[in-house]
């Protein structure tokens, strides 16, 4: 002990019945504090203090905001990143408990190749898929909306069809236009293949003038997208889930029956 320093033992040493621990560190209080923090985090991220924990054979895939390509978008943009979606689809294809996928779209579009990559993977997955356009499924969101086994659009939702455009450095040579035309043909062929719309009708909607103030193209709202053959049906979440469960049940029956072997006798 240093000279001039007065040492006083703690009260807990003098009185064995005295507890000098911090009341805030009591196990019950710690649990309560952690629960408050968990609820605050859930409220901040999901807008609710509780998240329904339901075991389901249906997985919901959300496509929102702007579909991000190879360049990272600013932090204030809500984005869908293809490097997040593509591994999810691989895992869903392999997961034995997932029998169907519900795709919900509210997107302004984005990168053409990233959007087509997502659409190609969704169209080639072996499990039933249903898409539901809420709010908007614009631009490159159109191929994603039509690539599923069945598609729905909300009555007030809209879809914008317009020619593709390019940002950044542009060379004023014929090859630039040819490249854009080839990329646009990829989108057109994919949409026509996975919907009931004809190529002539789709291109007519794409190159229409006089409808958009600062662009070329067409905005389809609700039933208009169904009437032109782009989307299968007008409906919401209830209709989408019923249809997906119906497709799942059909897939179960087909799997139970197994592949048909042999053929007619010669």
C-alpha atoms as a PDB file:
ATOM      1  CA  UNK A   1       0.000   0.000   0.000  1.00  0.00           C
ATOM      2  CA  UNK A   2       1.322   3.430  -0.951  1.00  0.00           C
ATOM      3  CA  UNK A   3       2.085   5.878   1.838  1.00  0.00           C
ATOM      4  CA  UNK A   4      -0.823   8.227   2.478  1.00  0.00           C
ATOM      5  CA  UNK A   5      -3.380   5.947   0.782  1.00  0.00           C
ATOM      6  CA  UNK A   6      -6.330   4.856   2.867  1.00  0.00           C
ATOM      7  CA  UNK A   7      -7.600   1.379   2.041  1.00  0.00           C
ATOM      8  CA  UNK A   8     -11.237   0.577   2.783  1.00  0.00           C
ATOM      9  CA  UNK A   9     -12.559  -2.919   2.183  1.00  0.00           C
ATOM     10  CA  UNK A  10     -15.766  -3.197   0.196  1.00  0.00           C
ATOM     11  CA  UNK A  11     -19.030  -3.553   2.084  1.00  0.00           C
ATOM     12  CA  UNK A  12     -19.561  -6.979   0.551  1.00  0.00           C
ATOM     13  CA  UNK A  13     -16.425  -8.217   2.292  1.00  0.00           C
ATOM     14  CA  UNK A  14     -17.488  -6.725   5.613  1.00  0.00           C
ATOM     15  CA  UNK A  15     -21.110  -7.870   5.250  1.00  0.00           C
ATOM     16  CA  UNK A  16     -21.518 -11.228   3.476  1.00  0.00           C
ATOM     17  CA  UNK A  17     -25.261 -10.607   3.046  1.00  0.00           C
ATOM     18  CA  UNK A  18     -24.708  -7.425   1.035  1.00  0.00           C
ATOM     19  CA  UNK A  19     -24.795  -7.702  -2.793  1.00  0.00           C
ATOM     20  CA  UNK A  20     -22.773  -4.949  -4.460  1.00  0.00           C
ATOM     21  CA  UNK A  21     -23.367  -6.172  -8.067  1.00  0.00           C
ATOM     22  CA  UNK A  22     -24.948  -3.793 -10.571  1.00  0.00           C
ATOM     23  CA  UNK A  23     -28.725  -4.318 -10.559  1.00  0.00           C
ATOM     24  CA  UNK A  24     -28.727  -3.699 -14.331  1.00  0.00           C
ATOM     25  CA  UNK A  25     -26.667  -6.849 -14.742  1.00  0.00           C
ATOM     26  CA  UNK A  26     -29.254  -9.127 -13.188  1.00  0.00           C
ATOM     27  CA  UNK A  27     -30.050 -12.068 -15.495  1.00  0.00           C
ATOM     28  CA  UNK A  28     -33.677 -11.061 -15.837  1.00  0.00           C
ATOM     29  CA  UNK A  29     -32.781  -7.480 -16.682  1.00  0.00           C
ATOM     30  CA  UNK A  30     -30.188  -8.573 -19.230  1.00  0.00           C
ATOM     31  CA  UNK A  31     -32.773 -10.759 -20.949  1.00  0.00           C
ATOM     32  CA  UNK A  32     -35.276  -7.900 -20.968  1.00  0.00           C
ATOM     33  CA  UNK A  33     -32.723  -5.495 -22.423  1.00  0.00           C
ATOM     34  CA  UNK A  34     -31.789  -7.945 -25.164  1.00  0.00           C
ATOM     35  CA  UNK A  35     -35.459  -8.457 -25.992  1.00  0.00           C
ATOM     36  CA  UNK A  36     -35.980  -4.689 -26.233  1.00  0.00           C
ATOM     37  CA  UNK A  37     -33.019  -4.398 -28.578  1.00  0.00           C
ATOM     38  CA  UNK A  38     -34.277  -7.296 -30.701  1.00  0.00           C
ATOM     39  CA  UNK A  39     -37.732  -5.741 -30.968  1.00  0.00           C
ATOM     40  CA  UNK A  40     -36.249  -2.351 -31.859  1.00  0.00           C
ATOM     41  CA  UNK A  41     -34.099  -3.915 -34.574  1.00  0.00           C
ATOM     42  CA  UNK A  42     -37.069  -5.852 -35.965  1.00  0.00           C
ATOM     43  CA  UNK A  43     -39.230  -2.722 -35.931  1.00  0.00           C
ATOM     44  CA  UNK A  44     -36.519  -0.751 -37.712  1.00  0.00           C
ATOM     45  CA  UNK A  45     -35.956  -3.365 -40.418  1.00  0.00           C
ATOM     46  CA  UNK A  46     -39.441  -4.797 -40.947  1.00  0.00           C
ATOM     47  CA  UNK A  47     -41.846  -2.173 -39.567  1.00  0.00           C
ATOM     48  CA  UNK A  48     -43.268  -4.535 -36.956  1.00  0.00           C
ATOM     49  CA  UNK A  49     -42.163  -5.887 -33.589  1.00  0.00           C
ATOM     50  CA  UNK A  50     -42.979  -9.495 -34.439  1.00  0.00           C
ATOM     51  CA  UNK A  51     -42.379 -11.612 -37.518  1.00  0.00           C
ATOM     52  CA  UNK A  52     -44.680 -14.612 -38.090  1.00  0.00           C
ATOM     53  CA  UNK A  53     -42.637 -17.791 -37.860  1.00  0.00           C
ATOM     54  CA  UNK A  54     -44.516 -20.198 -40.086  1.00  0.00           C
ATOM     55  CA  UNK A  55     -42.983 -23.369 -41.466  1.00  0.00           C
ATOM     56  CA  UNK A  56     -43.950 -23.458 -45.121  1.00  0.00           C
ATOM     57  CA  UNK A  57     -43.121 -25.271 -48.318  1.00  0.00           C
ATOM     58  CA  UNK A  58     -43.417 -21.961 -50.223  1.00  0.00           C
ATOM     59  CA  UNK A  59     -40.528 -19.512 -50.472  1.00  0.00           C
ATOM     60  CA  UNK A  60     -41.160 -15.827 -51.210  1.00  0.00           C
ATOM     61  CA  UNK A  61     -38.633 -14.018 -53.394  1.00  0.00           C
ATOM     62  CA  UNK A  62     -38.789 -10.215 -53.394  1.00  0.00           C
ATOM     63  CA  UNK A  63     -37.663  -8.112 -56.376  1.00  0.00           C
ATOM     64  CA  UNK A  64     -37.835  -4.451 -55.333  1.00  0.00           C
ATOM     65  CA  UNK A  65     -36.324  -1.083 -56.157  1.00  0.00           C
ATOM     66  CA  UNK A  66     -33.666  -1.023 -58.850  1.00  0.00           C
ATOM     67  CA  UNK A  67     -32.049  -4.190 -60.137  1.00  0.00           C
ATOM     68  CA  UNK A  68     -28.346  -3.634 -59.588  1.00  0.00           C
ATOM     69  CA  UNK A  69     -25.837  -4.657 -62.225  1.00  0.00           C
ATOM     70  CA  UNK A  70     -22.059  -4.752 -62.135  1.00  0.00           C
ATOM     71  CA  UNK A  71     -21.850  -1.220 -60.694  1.00  0.00           C
ATOM     72  CA  UNK A  72     -22.833  -0.577 -57.064  1.00  0.00           C
ATOM     73  CA  UNK A  73     -25.693   1.923 -56.804  1.00  0.00           C
ATOM     74  CA  UNK A  74     -25.781   4.753 -54.214  1.00  0.00           C
ATOM     75  CA  UNK A  75     -26.782   3.861 -50.653  1.00  0.00           C
ATOM     76  CA  UNK A  76     -30.040   5.815 -50.825  1.00  0.00           C
ATOM     77  CA  UNK A  77     -31.319   3.559 -53.644  1.00  0.00           C
ATOM     78  CA  UNK A  78     -33.342   0.486 -52.773  1.00  0.00           C
ATOM     79  CA  UNK A  79     -31.803  -2.286 -54.826  1.00  0.00           C
ATOM     80  CA  UNK A  80     -32.072  -5.946 -55.708  1.00  0.00           C
ATOM     81  CA  UNK A  81     -28.616  -7.443 -56.111  1.00  0.00           C
ATOM     82  CA  UNK A  82     -28.225 -10.331 -58.543  1.00  0.00           C
ATOM     83  CA  UNK A  83     -25.351 -11.753 -56.481  1.00  0.00           C
ATOM     84  CA  UNK A  84     -27.896 -12.234 -53.671  1.00  0.00           C
ATOM     85  CA  UNK A  85     -30.742 -13.621 -55.803  1.00  0.00           C
ATOM     86  CA  UNK A  86     -28.850 -16.148 -57.942  1.00  0.00           C
ATOM     87  CA  UNK A  87     -27.374 -18.145 -55.011  1.00  0.00           C
ATOM     88  CA  UNK A  88     -30.831 -18.140 -53.386  1.00  0.00           C
ATOM     89  CA  UNK A  89     -32.313 -19.727 -56.513  1.00  0.00           C
ATOM     90  CA  UNK A  90     -29.609 -22.400 -56.573  1.00  0.00           C
ATOM     91  CA  UNK A  91     -30.336 -23.203 -52.906  1.00  0.00           C
ATOM     92  CA  UNK A  92     -34.103 -23.266 -53.533  1.00  0.00           C
ATOM     93  CA  UNK A  93     -33.682 -25.663 -56.438  1.00  0.00           C
ATOM     94  CA  UNK A  94     -31.757 -28.056 -54.184  1.00  0.00           C
ATOM     95  CA  UNK A  95     -33.836 -27.628 -51.002  1.00  0.00           C
ATOM     96  CA  UNK A  96     -36.047 -30.708 -50.513  1.00  0.00           C
ATOM     97  CA  UNK A  97     -38.624 -28.909 -48.329  1.00  0.00           C
ATOM     98  CA  UNK A  98     -39.318 -26.033 -50.747  1.00  0.00           C
ATOM     99  CA  UNK A  99     -41.942 -27.014 -53.310  1.00  0.00           C
ATOM    100  CA  UNK A 100     -42.908 -23.648 -54.790  1.00  0.00           C
ATOM    101  CA  UNK A 101     -41.632 -20.078 -55.190  1.00  0.00           C
ATOM    102  CA  UNK A 102     -43.691 -16.888 -55.050  1.00  0.00           C
ATOM    103  CA  UNK A 103     -41.996 -13.921 -56.756  1.00  0.00           C
ATOM    104  CA  UNK A 104     -43.259 -10.484 -55.695  1.00  0.00           C
ATOM    105  CA  UNK A 105     -42.205  -7.548 -57.864  1.00  0.00           C
ATOM    106  CA  UNK A 106     -42.238  -3.830 -57.206  1.00  0.00           C
ATOM    107  CA  UNK A 107     -39.316  -2.676 -59.315  1.00  0.00           C
ATOM    108  CA  UNK A 108     -38.449   0.230 -61.594  1.00  0.00           C
ATOM    109  CA  UNK A 109     -36.146  -2.004 -63.646  1.00  0.00           C
ATOM    110  CA  UNK A 110     -32.403  -1.689 -63.852  1.00  0.00           C
ATOM    111  CA  UNK A 111     -29.489  -3.543 -65.426  1.00  0.00           C
ATOM    112  CA  UNK A 112     -30.547  -5.568 -68.477  1.00  0.00           C
ATOM    113  CA  UNK A 113     -28.119  -8.461 -68.121  1.00  0.00           C
ATOM    114  CA  UNK A 114     -28.667  -8.800 -64.367  1.00  0.00           C
ATOM    115  CA  UNK A 115     -32.447  -8.812 -64.867  1.00  0.00           C
ATOM    116  CA  UNK A 116     -32.233 -11.362 -67.666  1.00  0.00           C
ATOM    117  CA  UNK A 117     -29.964 -13.575 -65.557  1.00  0.00           C
ATOM    118  CA  UNK A 118     -32.573 -13.635 -62.771  1.00  0.00           C
ATOM    119  CA  UNK A 119     -35.366 -14.279 -65.272  1.00  0.00           C
ATOM    120  CA  UNK A 120     -33.457 -17.120 -66.968  1.00  0.00           C
ATOM    121  CA  UNK A 121     -32.798 -18.878 -63.660  1.00  0.00           C
ATOM    122  CA  UNK A 122     -36.413 -18.524 -62.551  1.00  0.00           C
ATOM    123  CA  UNK A 123     -37.706 -19.872 -65.862  1.00  0.00           C
ATOM    124  CA  UNK A 124     -35.399 -22.892 -65.729  1.00  0.00           C
ATOM    125  CA  UNK A 125     -36.057 -23.890 -62.108  1.00  0.00           C
ATOM    126  CA  UNK A 126     -37.812 -27.248 -61.807  1.00  0.00           C
ATOM    127  CA  UNK A 127     -40.298 -26.188 -59.106  1.00  0.00           C
ATOM    128  CA  UNK A 128     -43.595 -24.310 -59.660  1.00  0.00           C
ATOM    129  CA  UNK A 129     -43.275 -20.526 -59.632  1.00  0.00           C
ATOM    130  CA  UNK A 130     -45.842 -17.727 -59.547  1.00  0.00           C
ATOM    131  CA  UNK A 131     -45.153 -14.008 -59.959  1.00  0.00           C
ATOM    132  CA  UNK A 132     -47.176 -11.123 -58.581  1.00  0.00           C
ATOM    133  CA  UNK A 133     -46.642  -7.555 -59.800  1.00  0.00           C
ATOM    134  CA  UNK A 134     -47.466  -5.040 -57.075  1.00  0.00           C
ATOM    135  CA  UNK A 135     -46.969  -1.329 -57.613  1.00  0.00           C
ATOM    136  CA  UNK A 136     -44.801  -1.719 -60.681  1.00  0.00           C
ATOM    137  CA  UNK A 137     -42.889  -4.202 -62.777  1.00  0.00           C
ATOM    138  CA  UNK A 138     -41.198  -1.830 -65.175  1.00  0.00           C
ATOM    139  CA  UNK A 139     -38.516  -2.141 -67.833  1.00  0.00           C
ATOM    140  CA  UNK A 140     -36.344  -5.232 -67.221  1.00  0.00           C
ATOM    141  CA  UNK A 141     -38.856  -6.217 -64.531  1.00  0.00           C
ATOM    142  CA  UNK A 142     -41.146  -7.331 -67.385  1.00  0.00           C
ATOM    143  CA  UNK A 143     -39.084 -10.467 -68.258  1.00  0.00           C
ATOM    144  CA  UNK A 144     -38.933 -11.400 -64.566  1.00  0.00           C
ATOM    145  CA  UNK A 145     -42.706 -11.009 -64.256  1.00  0.00           C
ATOM    146  CA  UNK A 146     -43.492 -13.251 -67.229  1.00  0.00           C
ATOM    147  CA  UNK A 147     -40.844 -15.965 -66.694  1.00  0.00           C
ATOM    148  CA  UNK A 148     -42.749 -17.884 -63.999  1.00  0.00           C
ATOM    149  CA  UNK A 149     -45.186 -20.766 -64.368  1.00  0.00           C
ATOM    150  CA  UNK A 150     -48.102 -18.337 -63.899  1.00  0.00           C
ATOM    151  CA  UNK A 151     -48.235 -14.566 -63.504  1.00  0.00           C
ATOM    152  CA  UNK A 152     -50.528 -12.113 -61.713  1.00  0.00           C
ATOM    153  CA  UNK A 153     -50.755  -8.344 -61.636  1.00  0.00           C
ATOM    154  CA  UNK A 154     -52.604  -6.215 -59.101  1.00  0.00           C
ATOM    155  CA  UNK A 155     -55.469  -4.161 -60.456  1.00  0.00           C
ATOM    156  CA  UNK A 156     -53.627  -0.881 -59.826  1.00  0.00           C
ATOM    157  CA  UNK A 157     -50.110  -2.077 -60.682  1.00  0.00           C
ATOM    158  CA  UNK A 158     -48.359  -0.899 -63.835  1.00  0.00           C
ATOM    159  CA  UNK A 159     -45.712  -2.136 -66.260  1.00  0.00           C
ATOM    160  CA  UNK A 160     -43.625   0.104 -68.529  1.00  0.00           C
ATOM    161  CA  UNK A 161     -42.385  -1.264 -71.849  1.00  0.00           C
ATOM    162  CA  UNK A 162     -39.736   0.846 -73.565  1.00  0.00           C
ATOM    163  CA  UNK A 163     -36.546   0.458 -75.631  1.00  0.00           C
ATOM    164  CA  UNK A 164     -33.349  -0.217 -73.719  1.00  0.00           C
ATOM    165  CA  UNK A 165     -30.863   2.586 -73.195  1.00  0.00           C
ATOM    166  CA  UNK A 166     -27.197   2.791 -72.289  1.00  0.00           C
ATOM    167  CA  UNK A 167     -25.289   5.048 -69.913  1.00  0.00           C
ATOM    168  CA  UNK A 168     -21.629   6.010 -69.863  1.00  0.00           C
ATOM    169  CA  UNK A 169     -19.241   6.384 -72.776  1.00  0.00           C
ATOM    170  CA  UNK A 170     -20.817   5.901 -76.205  1.00  0.00           C
ATOM    171  CA  UNK A 171     -18.903   5.514 -79.461  1.00  0.00           C
ATOM    172  CA  UNK A 172     -20.647   7.061 -82.470  1.00  0.00           C
ATOM    173  CA  UNK A 173     -20.134   4.045 -84.720  1.00  0.00           C
ATOM    174  CA  UNK A 174     -22.653   1.647 -86.300  1.00  0.00           C
ATOM    175  CA  UNK A 175     -21.492  -1.149 -84.000  1.00  0.00           C
ATOM    176  CA  UNK A 176     -22.938   0.681 -80.985  1.00  0.00           C
ATOM    177  CA  UNK A 177     -26.437   0.603 -82.444  1.00  0.00           C
ATOM    178  CA  UNK A 178     -26.018  -3.015 -83.544  1.00  0.00           C
ATOM    179  CA  UNK A 179     -24.992  -3.986 -79.998  1.00  0.00           C
ATOM    180  CA  UNK A 180     -28.050  -2.254 -78.513  1.00  0.00           C
ATOM    181  CA  UNK A 181     -30.317  -3.868 -81.075  1.00  0.00           C
ATOM    182  CA  UNK A 182     -28.966  -7.334 -80.280  1.00  0.00           C
ATOM    183  CA  UNK A 183     -29.442  -6.761 -76.549  1.00  0.00           C
ATOM    184  CA  UNK A 184     -32.989  -5.543 -77.160  1.00  0.00           C
ATOM    185  CA  UNK A 185     -33.743  -8.601 -79.306  1.00  0.00           C
ATOM    186  CA  UNK A 186     -32.721 -10.809 -76.367  1.00  0.00           C
ATOM    187  CA  UNK A 187     -35.333  -9.131 -74.177  1.00  0.00           C
ATOM    188  CA  UNK A 188     -38.026  -9.291 -76.869  1.00  0.00           C
ATOM    189  CA  UNK A 189     -37.452 -12.974 -77.625  1.00  0.00           C
ATOM    190  CA  UNK A 190     -37.493 -13.902 -73.944  1.00  0.00           C
ATOM    191  CA  UNK A 191     -40.752 -12.053 -73.214  1.00  0.00           C
ATOM    192  CA  UNK A 192     -42.483 -13.473 -76.298  1.00  0.00           C
ATOM    193  CA  UNK A 193     -41.349 -17.009 -75.432  1.00  0.00           C
ATOM    194  CA  UNK A 194     -42.656 -16.858 -71.849  1.00  0.00           C
ATOM    195  CA  UNK A 195     -45.951 -15.028 -72.406  1.00  0.00           C
ATOM    196  CA  UNK A 196     -48.894 -14.975 -74.804  1.00  0.00           C
ATOM    197  CA  UNK A 197     -47.988 -11.670 -76.451  1.00  0.00           C
ATOM    198  CA  UNK A 198     -46.794 -11.660 -80.059  1.00  0.00           C
ATOM    199  CA  UNK A 199     -43.495 -10.142 -81.113  1.00  0.00           C
ATOM    200  CA  UNK A 200     -45.245  -7.629 -83.363  1.00  0.00           C
ATOM    201  CA  UNK A 201     -47.541  -6.476 -80.546  1.00  0.00           C
ATOM    202  CA  UNK A 202     -44.678  -6.232 -78.048  1.00  0.00           C
ATOM    203  CA  UNK A 203     -42.531  -4.165 -80.400  1.00  0.00           C
ATOM    204  CA  UNK A 204     -45.498  -1.924 -81.183  1.00  0.00           C
ATOM    205  CA  UNK A 205     -45.914  -1.217 -77.452  1.00  0.00           C
ATOM    206  CA  UNK A 206     -42.172  -0.713 -77.062  1.00  0.00           C
ATOM    207  CA  UNK A 207     -41.826   1.885 -79.831  1.00  0.00           C
ATOM    208  CA  UNK A 208     -45.105   3.725 -79.311  1.00  0.00           C
ATOM    209  CA  UNK A 209     -44.790   7.515 -79.249  1.00  0.00           C
ATOM    210  CA  UNK A 210     -47.000  10.129 -77.660  1.00  0.00           C
ATOM    211  CA  UNK A 211     -47.826   8.227 -74.460  1.00  0.00           C
ATOM    212  CA  UNK A 212     -44.763   8.892 -72.313  1.00  0.00           C
ATOM    213  CA  UNK A 213     -43.736  12.515 -71.825  1.00  0.00           C
ATOM    214  CA  UNK A 214     -39.956  11.986 -71.917  1.00  0.00           C
ATOM    215  CA  UNK A 215     -39.627   8.515 -73.390  1.00  0.00           C
ATOM    216  CA  UNK A 216     -40.807   6.112 -76.059  1.00  0.00           C
ATOM    217  CA  UNK A 217     -42.965   3.201 -74.968  1.00  0.00           C
ATOM    218  CA  UNK A 218     -46.171   2.228 -73.203  1.00  0.00           C
ATOM    219  CA  UNK A 219     -47.472   1.975 -69.649  1.00  0.00           C
ATOM    220  CA  UNK A 220     -49.870  -0.927 -69.055  1.00  0.00           C
ATOM    221  CA  UNK A 221     -52.055  -0.835 -65.950  1.00  0.00           C
ATOM    222  CA  UNK A 222     -53.601  -3.941 -64.405  1.00  0.00           C
ATOM    223  CA  UNK A 223     -56.007  -5.580 -66.834  1.00  0.00           C
ATOM    224  CA  UNK A 224     -54.323  -3.970 -69.846  1.00  0.00           C
ATOM    225  CA  UNK A 225     -51.285  -6.197 -69.258  1.00  0.00           C
ATOM    226  CA  UNK A 226     -53.600  -9.227 -69.250  1.00  0.00           C
ATOM    227  CA  UNK A 227     -55.549  -8.164 -72.338  1.00  0.00           C
ATOM    228  CA  UNK A 228     -52.398  -7.865 -74.438  1.00  0.00           C
ATOM    229  CA  UNK A 229     -51.182 -11.311 -73.336  1.00  0.00           C
ATOM    230  CA  UNK A 230     -48.253 -10.170 -71.221  1.00  0.00           C
ATOM    231  CA  UNK A 231     -49.631 -11.339 -67.835  1.00  0.00           C
ATOM    232  CA  UNK A 232     -51.932 -14.308 -67.201  1.00  0.00           C
ATOM    233  CA  UNK A 233     -54.428 -12.866 -64.728  1.00  0.00           C
ATOM    234  CA  UNK A 234     -55.379  -9.919 -62.515  1.00  0.00           C
ATOM    235  CA  UNK A 235     -55.147 -10.859 -58.843  1.00  0.00           C
ATOM    236  CA  UNK A 236     -53.526 -10.367 -55.486  1.00  0.00           C
ATOM    237  CA  UNK A 237     -51.730 -12.384 -52.854  1.00  0.00           C
ATOM    238  CA  UNK A 238     -54.684 -14.689 -52.170  1.00  0.00           C
ATOM    239  CA  UNK A 239     -55.100 -15.693 -55.808  1.00  0.00           C
ATOM    240  CA  UNK A 240     -51.337 -16.074 -56.199  1.00  0.00           C
ATOM    241  CA  UNK A 241     -51.047 -18.430 -53.223  1.00  0.00           C
ATOM    242  CA  UNK A 242     -54.032 -20.503 -54.354  1.00  0.00           C
ATOM    243  CA  UNK A 243     -52.566 -20.899 -57.819  1.00  0.00           C
ATOM    244  CA  UNK A 244     -49.120 -21.770 -56.480  1.00  0.00           C
ATOM    245  CA  UNK A 245     -50.538 -24.397 -54.122  1.00  0.00           C
ATOM    246  CA  UNK A 246     -52.496 -25.827 -57.046  1.00  0.00           C
ATOM    247  CA  UNK A 247     -49.334 -26.066 -59.147  1.00  0.00           C
ATOM    248  CA  UNK A 248     -47.457 -27.635 -56.232  1.00  0.00           C
ATOM    249  CA  UNK A 249     -50.159 -30.280 -55.863  1.00  0.00           C
ATOM    250  CA  UNK A 250     -49.998 -31.032 -59.602  1.00  0.00           C
ATOM    251  CA  UNK A 251     -46.220 -31.401 -59.325  1.00  0.00           C
ATOM    252  CA  UNK A 252     -46.650 -33.826 -56.411  1.00  0.00           C
ATOM    253  CA  UNK A 253     -49.062 -35.964 -58.422  1.00  0.00           C
ATOM    254  CA  UNK A 254     -46.728 -35.977 -61.410  1.00  0.00           C
ATOM    255  CA  UNK A 255     -43.788 -36.964 -59.220  1.00  0.00           C
ATOM    256  CA  UNK A 256     -45.811 -39.748 -57.566  1.00  0.00           C
ATOM    257  CA  UNK A 257     -46.796 -41.193 -60.916  1.00  0.00           C
ATOM    258  CA  UNK A 258     -43.192 -41.110 -62.079  1.00  0.00           C
ATOM    259  CA  UNK A 259     -41.960 -41.142 -65.671  1.00  0.00           C
ATOM    260  CA  UNK A 260     -44.035 -43.183 -68.086  1.00  0.00           C
ATOM    261  CA  UNK A 261     -41.964 -46.048 -69.437  1.00  0.00           C
ATOM    262  CA  UNK A 262     -42.426 -47.973 -72.645  1.00  0.00           C
ATOM    263  CA  UNK A 263     -44.829 -47.116 -75.433  1.00  0.00           C
ATOM    264  CA  UNK A 264     -47.453 -48.590 -77.685  1.00  0.00           C
ATOM    265  CA  UNK A 265     -46.856 -52.114 -78.947  1.00  0.00           C
ATOM    266  CA  UNK A 266     -45.677 -52.326 -82.538  1.00  0.00           C
END
